[in-house]
C-alpha atoms as a PDB file:
ATOM      1  CA  MET A   1      29.448  26.219  12.421  1.00  0.00           C
ATOM      2  CA  ALA A   2      28.938  25.618  16.135  1.00  0.00           C
ATOM      3  CA  LYS A   3      31.534  23.633  18.002  1.00  0.00           C
ATOM      4  CA  ALA A   4      30.338  20.103  18.772  1.00  0.00           C
ATOM      5  CA  SER A   5      29.870  19.411  22.438  1.00  0.00           C
ATOM      6  CA  SER A   6      29.711  15.995  23.972  1.00  0.00           C
ATOM      7  CA  LEU A   7      27.109  14.537  26.250  1.00  0.00           C
ATOM      8  CA  SER A   8      27.990  12.521  29.289  1.00  0.00           C
ATOM      9  CA  HIS A   9      27.520   8.780  29.509  1.00  0.00           C
ATOM     10  CA  ARG A  10      25.028   9.500  32.279  1.00  0.00           C
ATOM     11  CA  THR A  11      22.895  11.368  29.742  1.00  0.00           C
ATOM     12  CA  ALA A  12      23.024   8.388  27.393  1.00  0.00           C
ATOM     13  CA  LEU A  13      21.889   6.118  30.229  1.00  0.00           C
ATOM     14  CA  GLN A  14      19.074   8.505  31.097  1.00  0.00           C
ATOM     15  CA  VAL A  15      17.843   8.475  27.506  1.00  0.00           C
ATOM     16  CA  ARG A  16      18.140   4.673  27.403  1.00  0.00           C
ATOM     17  CA  ASP A  17      16.109   4.327  30.587  1.00  0.00           C
ATOM     18  CA  ARG A  18      13.428   6.942  29.814  1.00  0.00           C
ATOM     19  CA  CYS A  19      12.981   6.911  26.035  1.00  0.00           C
ATOM     20  CA  LEU A  20       9.468   5.732  25.223  1.00  0.00           C
ATOM     21  CA  CYS A  21      10.330   5.222  21.574  1.00  0.00           C
ATOM     22  CA  LEU A  22      13.276   2.950  22.383  1.00  0.00           C
ATOM     23  CA  ALA A  23      11.189   0.968  24.879  1.00  0.00           C
ATOM     24  CA  ALA A  24       8.367   0.571  22.345  1.00  0.00           C
ATOM     25  CA  GLN A  25      10.799  -0.460  19.580  1.00  0.00           C
ATOM     26  CA  ARG A  26      12.509  -3.029  21.790  1.00  0.00           C
ATOM     27  CA  ALA A  27       9.180  -4.448  22.989  1.00  0.00           C
ATOM     28  CA  ALA A  28       7.838  -4.562  19.423  1.00  0.00           C
ATOM     29  CA  ARG A  29      10.888  -6.508  18.260  1.00  0.00           C
ATOM     30  CA  VAL A  30      10.602  -9.002  21.117  1.00  0.00           C
ATOM     31  CA  LEU A  31       6.884  -9.487  20.480  1.00  0.00           C
ATOM     32  CA  ALA A  32       7.439  -9.801  16.729  1.00  0.00           C
ATOM     33  CA  ARG A  33      10.074 -12.511  17.233  1.00  0.00           C
ATOM     34  CA  ARG A  34       7.768 -14.406  19.589  1.00  0.00           C
ATOM     35  CA  PHE A  35       4.818 -14.311  17.186  1.00  0.00           C
ATOM     36  CA  ASP A  36       7.096 -15.068  14.214  1.00  0.00           C
ATOM     37  CA  ALA A  37       8.329 -18.204  15.968  1.00  0.00           C
ATOM     38  CA  ALA A  38       4.797 -19.268  16.889  1.00  0.00           C
ATOM     39  CA  LEU A  39       3.462 -18.716  13.355  1.00  0.00           C
ATOM     40  CA  ALA A  40       6.428 -20.384  11.628  1.00  0.00           C
ATOM     41  CA  PRO A  41       4.640 -23.772  11.334  1.00  0.00           C
ATOM     42  CA  VAL A  42       2.046 -22.117   9.058  1.00  0.00           C
ATOM     43  CA  GLN A  43       4.758 -20.212   7.185  1.00  0.00           C
ATOM     44  CA  LEU A  44       3.577 -16.738   8.204  1.00  0.00           C
ATOM     45  CA  THR A  45       5.272 -13.879   9.966  1.00  0.00           C
ATOM     46  CA  ASN A  46       3.386 -11.800  12.497  1.00  0.00           C
ATOM     47  CA  GLY A  47       3.256  -8.967   9.962  1.00  0.00           C
ATOM     48  CA  GLN A  48       1.758 -11.251   7.317  1.00  0.00           C
ATOM     49  CA  PHE A  49      -0.792 -12.536   9.825  1.00  0.00           C
ATOM     50  CA  SER A  50      -1.817  -8.961  10.681  1.00  0.00           C
ATOM     51  CA  LEU A  51      -2.068  -8.080   7.001  1.00  0.00           C
ATOM     52  CA  LEU A  52      -4.218 -11.111   6.197  1.00  0.00           C
ATOM     53  CA  MET A  53      -6.422 -10.379   9.209  1.00  0.00           C
ATOM     54  CA  ALA A  54      -6.830  -6.785   8.012  1.00  0.00           C
ATOM     55  CA  LEU A  55      -8.277  -8.199   4.768  1.00  0.00           C
ATOM     56  CA  ASN A  56     -10.759 -10.438   6.572  1.00  0.00           C
ATOM     57  CA  ARG A  57     -13.787  -8.223   5.961  1.00  0.00           C
ATOM     58  CA  PRO A  58     -17.190  -8.615   4.326  1.00  0.00           C
ATOM     59  CA  ARG A  59     -16.014  -6.476   1.384  1.00  0.00           C
ATOM     60  CA  PRO A  60     -12.429  -6.393   0.095  1.00  0.00           C
ATOM     61  CA  PRO A  61     -10.828  -3.204   1.431  1.00  0.00           C
ATOM     62  CA  LEU A  62      -9.037  -0.541  -0.523  1.00  0.00           C
ATOM     63  CA  MET A  63      -5.265  -0.645  -0.321  1.00  0.00           C
ATOM     64  CA  SER A  64      -5.280   2.859   1.191  1.00  0.00           C
ATOM     65  CA  ASP A  65      -7.585   1.728   4.027  1.00  0.00           C
ATOM     66  CA  VAL A  66      -5.359  -1.236   4.850  1.00  0.00           C
ATOM     67  CA  ALA A  67      -2.254   0.952   4.772  1.00  0.00           C
ATOM     68  CA  GLU A  68      -3.902   3.343   7.231  1.00  0.00           C
ATOM     69  CA  LEU A  69      -5.012   0.532   9.562  1.00  0.00           C
ATOM     70  CA  LEU A  70      -1.528  -0.983   9.614  1.00  0.00           C
ATOM     71  CA  ALA A  71       0.187   2.435   9.842  1.00  0.00           C
ATOM     72  CA  MET A  72       2.158   1.712   6.649  1.00  0.00           C
ATOM     73  CA  ASP A  73       2.812   3.734   3.563  1.00  0.00           C
ATOM     74  CA  ARG A  74       1.454   2.291   0.328  1.00  0.00           C
ATOM     75  CA  THR A  75       4.906   1.370  -0.968  1.00  0.00           C
ATOM     76  CA  THR A  76       5.637  -0.730   2.124  1.00  0.00           C
ATOM     77  CA  LEU A  77       2.202  -2.335   1.912  1.00  0.00           C
ATOM     78  CA  THR A  78       2.728  -3.166  -1.766  1.00  0.00           C
ATOM     79  CA  ALA A  79       6.007  -4.889  -0.907  1.00  0.00           C
ATOM     80  CA  ALA A  80       4.332  -6.810   1.929  1.00  0.00           C
ATOM     81  CA  ILE A  81       1.522  -8.005  -0.344  1.00  0.00           C
ATOM     82  CA  LYS A  82       3.773  -9.426  -3.065  1.00  0.00           C
ATOM     83  CA  PRO A  83       4.851 -12.654  -1.294  1.00  0.00           C
ATOM     84  CA  LEU A  84       1.269 -13.275  -0.157  1.00  0.00           C
ATOM     85  CA  ASP A  85       0.030 -12.730  -3.709  1.00  0.00           C
ATOM     86  CA  ARG A  86       2.663 -15.161  -5.053  1.00  0.00           C
ATOM     87  CA  ARG A  87       1.433 -17.762  -2.547  1.00  0.00           C
ATOM     88  CA  GLY A  88      -2.149 -17.262  -3.724  1.00  0.00           C
ATOM     89  CA  LEU A  89      -3.309 -15.926  -0.357  1.00  0.00           C
ATOM     90  CA  VAL A  90      -4.157 -12.420  -1.574  1.00  0.00           C
ATOM     91  CA  ALA A  91      -5.289 -10.958  -4.873  1.00  0.00           C
ATOM     92  CA  VAL A  92      -5.101  -7.322  -5.954  1.00  0.00           C
ATOM     93  CA  ARG A  93      -7.904  -6.008  -8.139  1.00  0.00           C
ATOM     94  CA  VAL A  94      -8.808  -2.635  -9.617  1.00  0.00           C
ATOM     95  CA  ASP A  95     -11.644  -0.955  -7.710  1.00  0.00           C
ATOM     96  CA  ASP A  96     -14.813  -0.907  -9.844  1.00  0.00           C
ATOM     97  CA  ALA A  97     -15.940   2.455  -8.431  1.00  0.00           C
ATOM     98  CA  ASP A  98     -12.601   4.227  -8.909  1.00  0.00           C
ATOM     99  CA  ARG A  99     -10.206   2.651 -11.397  1.00  0.00           C
ATOM    100  CA  ARG A 100      -7.260   4.365  -9.650  1.00  0.00           C
ATOM    101  CA  GLY A 101      -7.908   2.417  -6.447  1.00  0.00           C
ATOM    102  CA  ARG A 102      -6.892  -1.148  -5.675  1.00  0.00           C
ATOM    103  CA  ARG A 103      -8.856  -3.623  -3.592  1.00  0.00           C
ATOM    104  CA  LEU A 104      -7.107  -6.364  -1.641  1.00  0.00           C
ATOM    105  CA  ILE A 105      -8.904  -9.683  -1.689  1.00  0.00           C
ATOM    106  CA  LEU A 106      -8.322 -12.470   0.803  1.00  0.00           C
ATOM    107  CA  THR A 107      -8.512 -15.602  -1.358  1.00  0.00           C
ATOM    108  CA  ALA A 108     -10.039 -18.909  -0.293  1.00  0.00           C
ATOM    109  CA  ALA A 109      -6.507 -20.212   0.383  1.00  0.00           C
ATOM    110  CA  GLY A 110      -5.801 -17.081   2.432  1.00  0.00           C
ATOM    111  CA  LYS A 111      -8.966 -17.620   4.467  1.00  0.00           C
ATOM    112  CA  ARG A 112      -8.033 -21.251   5.150  1.00  0.00           C
ATOM    113  CA  LEU A 113      -4.507 -20.319   6.237  1.00  0.00           C
ATOM    114  CA  LEU A 114      -5.796 -17.486   8.408  1.00  0.00           C
ATOM    115  CA  ALA A 115      -8.227 -19.894  10.094  1.00  0.00           C
ATOM    116  CA  GLU A 116      -5.316 -22.268  10.749  1.00  0.00           C
ATOM    117  CA  ALA A 117      -3.085 -19.474  12.065  1.00  0.00           C
ATOM    118  CA  TYR A 118      -5.636 -17.787  14.317  1.00  0.00           C
ATOM    119  CA  PRO A 119      -5.579 -20.381  17.150  1.00  0.00           C
ATOM    120  CA  ILE A 120      -1.775 -20.183  17.188  1.00  0.00           C
ATOM    121  CA  TRP A 121      -1.930 -16.393  17.418  1.00  0.00           C
ATOM    122  CA  ALA A 122      -4.604 -16.522  20.147  1.00  0.00           C
ATOM    123  CA  ARG A 123      -2.624 -19.038  22.223  1.00  0.00           C
ATOM    124  CA  THR A 124       0.565 -16.981  21.901  1.00  0.00           C
ATOM    125  CA  LEU A 125      -1.268 -13.786  22.825  1.00  0.00           C
ATOM    126  CA  GLY A 126      -2.739 -15.498  25.877  1.00  0.00           C
ATOM    127  CA  GLU A 127       0.716 -16.632  27.003  1.00  0.00           C
ATOM    128  CA  ILE A 128       2.105 -13.125  26.605  1.00  0.00           C
ATOM    129  CA  GLU A 129      -0.839 -11.501  28.373  1.00  0.00           C
ATOM    130  CA  ARG A 130      -0.443 -13.860  31.340  1.00  0.00           C
ATOM    131  CA  ASP A 131       3.144 -12.608  31.726  1.00  0.00           C
ATOM    132  CA  LEU A 132       2.146  -8.936  31.677  1.00  0.00           C
ATOM    133  CA  PRO A 133       0.799  -7.284  34.813  1.00  0.00           C
ATOM    134  CA  ASP A 134      -1.690  -5.079  32.899  1.00  0.00           C
ATOM    135  CA  ALA A 135      -1.957  -6.098  29.266  1.00  0.00           C
ATOM    136  CA  ALA A 136      -5.270  -4.283  28.781  1.00  0.00           C
ATOM    137  CA  GLY A 137      -3.826  -1.084  30.252  1.00  0.00           C
ATOM    138  CA  LEU A 138      -0.740  -1.341  28.056  1.00  0.00           C
ATOM    139  CA  ARG A 139      -2.867  -1.859  24.957  1.00  0.00           C
ATOM    140  CA  ALA A 140      -5.046   1.136  25.865  1.00  0.00           C
ATOM    141  CA  ALA A 141      -1.977   3.317  26.456  1.00  0.00           C
ATOM    142  CA  LEU A 142      -0.503   2.349  23.084  1.00  0.00           C
ATOM    143  CA  TRP A 143      -3.768   3.144  21.280  1.00  0.00           C
ATOM    144  CA  ALA A 144      -3.937   6.458  23.161  1.00  0.00           C
ATOM    145  CA  ILE A 145      -0.522   7.439  21.818  1.00  0.00           C
ATOM    146  CA  GLU A 146      -1.777   6.981  18.276  1.00  0.00           C
ATOM    147  CA  ALA A 147      -4.969   8.916  18.972  1.00  0.00           C
ATOM    148  CA  GLY A 148      -3.007  11.655  20.744  1.00  0.00           C
END
């Protein structure tokens, strides 16, 4: 077994200051807390809002499609759906075309809550974008990482 060597504190600071993953994680947490606080009056988290919005389609999507859109595995998505299902905002149904698949349905109550939450989300996004020097450029760069 190789002898462990230590890295200098300077190296740790360099990683802290240059690590894209750390910067993205920190920014994501700050943004999540800000949206969570804004959406609290309608009893949604930012993740729940995104999930409900992902279901707002002409035809109920397959669970696998929603998981892909939200960059989640199916197990995590299933766990995220449960509290929304209990609140009557989402329903899970077997896909008629392929009985192995599940479709996620935004219920009437889910649509009403989403309509109530959207202006809050839009206002919060506008506030955040005003504070950023190049919000559109940042968004494009983040999407480019995924496409990369």
